[in-house]
N, C-alpha and C. Protein backbone atom coordinates (compact mmCIF):
# COMPACT_ATOMS: atom_id res chain seq x y z
N MET A 1 15.92 -29.41 -5.80
CA MET A 1 14.53 -28.98 -5.61
C MET A 1 14.55 -28.02 -4.50
N ALA A 2 13.62 -26.85 -4.55
CA ALA A 2 13.40 -26.08 -3.48
C ALA A 2 12.24 -25.36 -3.58
N TYR A 3 11.60 -25.07 -2.43
CA TYR A 3 10.29 -24.45 -2.18
C TYR A 3 10.58 -22.95 -1.86
N GLY A 4 9.72 -21.99 -2.49
CA GLY A 4 9.70 -20.71 -2.01
C GLY A 4 8.32 -19.97 -2.32
N ASP A 5 8.39 -18.81 -1.77
CA ASP A 5 6.97 -18.27 -1.82
C ASP A 5 7.17 -16.48 -1.91
N SER A 6 8.46 -15.96 -1.88
CA SER A 6 8.60 -14.64 -2.03
C SER A 6 9.80 -14.40 -2.91
N MET A 7 10.12 -12.92 -3.32
CA MET A 7 11.05 -12.58 -4.17
C MET A 7 12.35 -12.92 -3.46
N ASN A 8 12.55 -13.00 -2.26
CA ASN A 8 13.93 -13.24 -1.78
C ASN A 8 14.46 -14.75 -1.99
N ASP A 9 13.34 -15.58 -2.61
CA ASP A 9 13.52 -16.97 -3.11
C ASP A 9 13.93 -16.93 -4.61
N TYR A 10 13.88 -16.02 -5.21
CA TYR A 10 14.01 -15.66 -6.77
C TYR A 10 15.39 -16.42 -7.41
N GLU A 11 16.46 -16.02 -6.88
CA GLU A 11 17.66 -16.77 -7.13
C GLU A 11 17.80 -18.25 -7.12
N MET A 12 17.37 -18.65 -5.76
CA MET A 12 17.29 -20.16 -5.49
C MET A 12 16.30 -20.81 -6.52
N ILE A 13 15.15 -20.26 -6.74
CA ILE A 13 14.34 -20.98 -7.55
C ILE A 13 14.78 -21.08 -9.09
N GLN A 14 15.57 -20.04 -9.39
CA GLN A 14 16.15 -20.02 -10.79
C GLN A 14 17.34 -21.09 -10.83
N THR A 15 17.99 -21.37 -9.64
CA THR A 15 18.99 -22.19 -9.79
C THR A 15 19.02 -23.56 -9.57
N VAL A 16 17.98 -24.03 -8.99
CA VAL A 16 17.63 -25.37 -8.68
C VAL A 16 16.98 -26.18 -9.87
N HIS A 17 16.94 -27.40 -9.87
CA HIS A 17 16.62 -28.15 -11.00
C HIS A 17 15.05 -28.14 -11.09
N ARG A 18 14.50 -28.08 -10.07
CA ARG A 18 12.96 -27.94 -9.81
C ARG A 18 12.49 -27.16 -8.74
N GLY A 19 11.90 -26.00 -9.20
CA GLY A 19 11.55 -24.90 -8.22
C GLY A 19 10.06 -24.91 -7.95
N ILE A 20 9.63 -25.17 -6.89
CA ILE A 20 8.22 -25.48 -6.50
C ILE A 20 7.96 -23.83 -5.66
N VAL A 21 6.86 -23.19 -6.27
CA VAL A 21 6.55 -21.85 -5.78
C VAL A 21 5.18 -21.80 -5.09
N TYR A 22 5.00 -21.07 -4.06
CA TYR A 22 3.74 -20.82 -3.69
C TYR A 22 2.66 -20.31 -4.56
N LYS A 23 1.54 -20.85 -4.73
CA LYS A 23 0.42 -20.51 -5.99
C LYS A 23 0.21 -19.17 -5.95
N ASP A 24 0.19 -18.46 -4.98
CA ASP A 24 0.25 -16.83 -4.77
C ASP A 24 1.28 -16.04 -4.79
N ALA A 25 2.45 -16.53 -4.88
CA ALA A 25 3.70 -15.68 -5.03
C ALA A 25 3.55 -14.61 -6.05
N PRO A 26 4.40 -13.75 -5.98
CA PRO A 26 4.65 -12.59 -7.09
C PRO A 26 4.74 -13.35 -8.40
N GLU A 27 4.07 -12.68 -9.42
CA GLU A 27 4.12 -13.24 -10.87
C GLU A 27 5.58 -13.53 -11.46
N LEU A 28 6.33 -12.86 -11.13
CA LEU A 28 7.71 -12.99 -11.31
C LEU A 28 8.39 -14.08 -11.03
N LEU A 29 8.14 -14.47 -9.93
CA LEU A 29 8.59 -15.73 -9.24
C LEU A 29 7.97 -16.88 -9.86
N LYS A 30 6.83 -16.70 -9.92
CA LYS A 30 5.78 -17.97 -10.39
C LYS A 30 6.36 -18.25 -12.00
N LYS A 31 6.75 -17.27 -12.73
CA LYS A 31 7.26 -17.38 -14.05
C LYS A 31 8.44 -18.48 -14.15
N GLU A 32 9.16 -18.54 -13.10
CA GLU A 32 10.48 -19.30 -12.77
C GLU A 32 10.03 -20.75 -12.21
N ALA A 33 8.71 -21.01 -11.73
CA ALA A 33 8.38 -22.16 -11.21
C ALA A 33 8.09 -23.32 -11.98
N ASP A 34 8.71 -24.51 -11.60
CA ASP A 34 8.13 -25.66 -12.36
C ASP A 34 6.78 -26.27 -11.72
N ASP A 35 6.22 -26.03 -10.81
CA ASP A 35 5.29 -26.58 -9.74
C ASP A 35 5.08 -25.58 -8.94
N PHE A 36 3.59 -25.77 -8.32
CA PHE A 36 3.12 -24.90 -7.24
C PHE A 36 2.75 -25.74 -6.16
N PHE A 37 2.51 -25.06 -4.89
CA PHE A 37 2.30 -25.48 -3.68
C PHE A 37 1.01 -24.74 -3.30
N ASP A 38 0.41 -25.26 -2.24
CA ASP A 38 -0.91 -24.26 -1.79
C ASP A 38 -0.45 -23.68 -0.44
N ASP A 39 -1.24 -22.85 0.27
CA ASP A 39 -0.80 -22.21 1.45
C ASP A 39 0.21 -22.95 2.38
N PRO A 40 1.15 -22.33 2.67
CA PRO A 40 2.10 -23.17 3.48
C PRO A 40 1.63 -22.96 4.95
N ASP A 41 0.88 -22.21 5.42
CA ASP A 41 0.18 -22.14 6.67
C ASP A 41 -0.89 -23.31 6.84
N LEU A 42 -1.25 -23.81 5.87
CA LEU A 42 -2.29 -24.93 5.61
C LEU A 42 -1.54 -26.15 5.18
N ASP A 43 -0.17 -26.27 5.35
CA ASP A 43 0.48 -27.59 5.25
C ASP A 43 0.66 -27.61 3.45
N GLY A 44 0.80 -26.63 2.87
CA GLY A 44 0.80 -26.94 1.51
C GLY A 44 2.12 -27.51 0.91
N ILE A 45 3.41 -27.21 1.72
CA ILE A 45 4.58 -27.82 1.30
C ILE A 45 4.44 -29.38 1.48
N TYR A 46 3.98 -29.61 2.90
CA TYR A 46 3.80 -31.11 3.10
C TYR A 46 2.79 -31.84 2.11
N GLN A 47 1.69 -31.31 1.84
CA GLN A 47 0.85 -31.86 0.77
C GLN A 47 1.49 -32.05 -0.62
N HIS A 48 2.23 -31.18 -0.92
CA HIS A 48 2.98 -31.16 -2.45
C HIS A 48 4.07 -32.27 -2.31
N MET A 49 4.76 -32.41 -1.18
CA MET A 49 5.64 -33.63 -0.87
C MET A 49 5.08 -34.98 -1.11
N ILE A 50 3.85 -35.17 -0.61
CA ILE A 50 2.96 -36.17 -0.82
C ILE A 50 2.57 -36.38 -2.08
N LYS A 51 2.24 -35.53 -2.81
CA LYS A 51 1.57 -35.44 -4.33
C LYS A 51 2.87 -36.07 -5.10
N ILE A 52 3.91 -35.43 -4.81
CA ILE A 52 5.23 -35.97 -5.75
C ILE A 52 5.75 -36.99 -5.11
N GLY A 53 5.43 -37.77 -4.05
CA GLY A 53 5.94 -39.05 -3.73
C GLY A 53 7.12 -39.01 -2.80
N LEU A 54 7.60 -37.61 -2.50
CA LEU A 54 8.64 -37.67 -1.46
C LEU A 54 8.28 -38.20 -0.03
N ILE A 55 7.06 -38.27 0.44
CA ILE A 55 6.63 -38.83 1.80
C ILE A 55 5.25 -39.65 1.46
């Protein structure tokens, strides 16, 4: 599992079993995503981890 928000994360998101991408990421990156998270500056990754039961 990996979190990404920009095109420098593209290969990582393609490679992992579950790629979670920022909801406002570039469309090409979003096409590779399995799920989405909200604004990382507003604890979007933390909230997503709660949503999927990691914490």
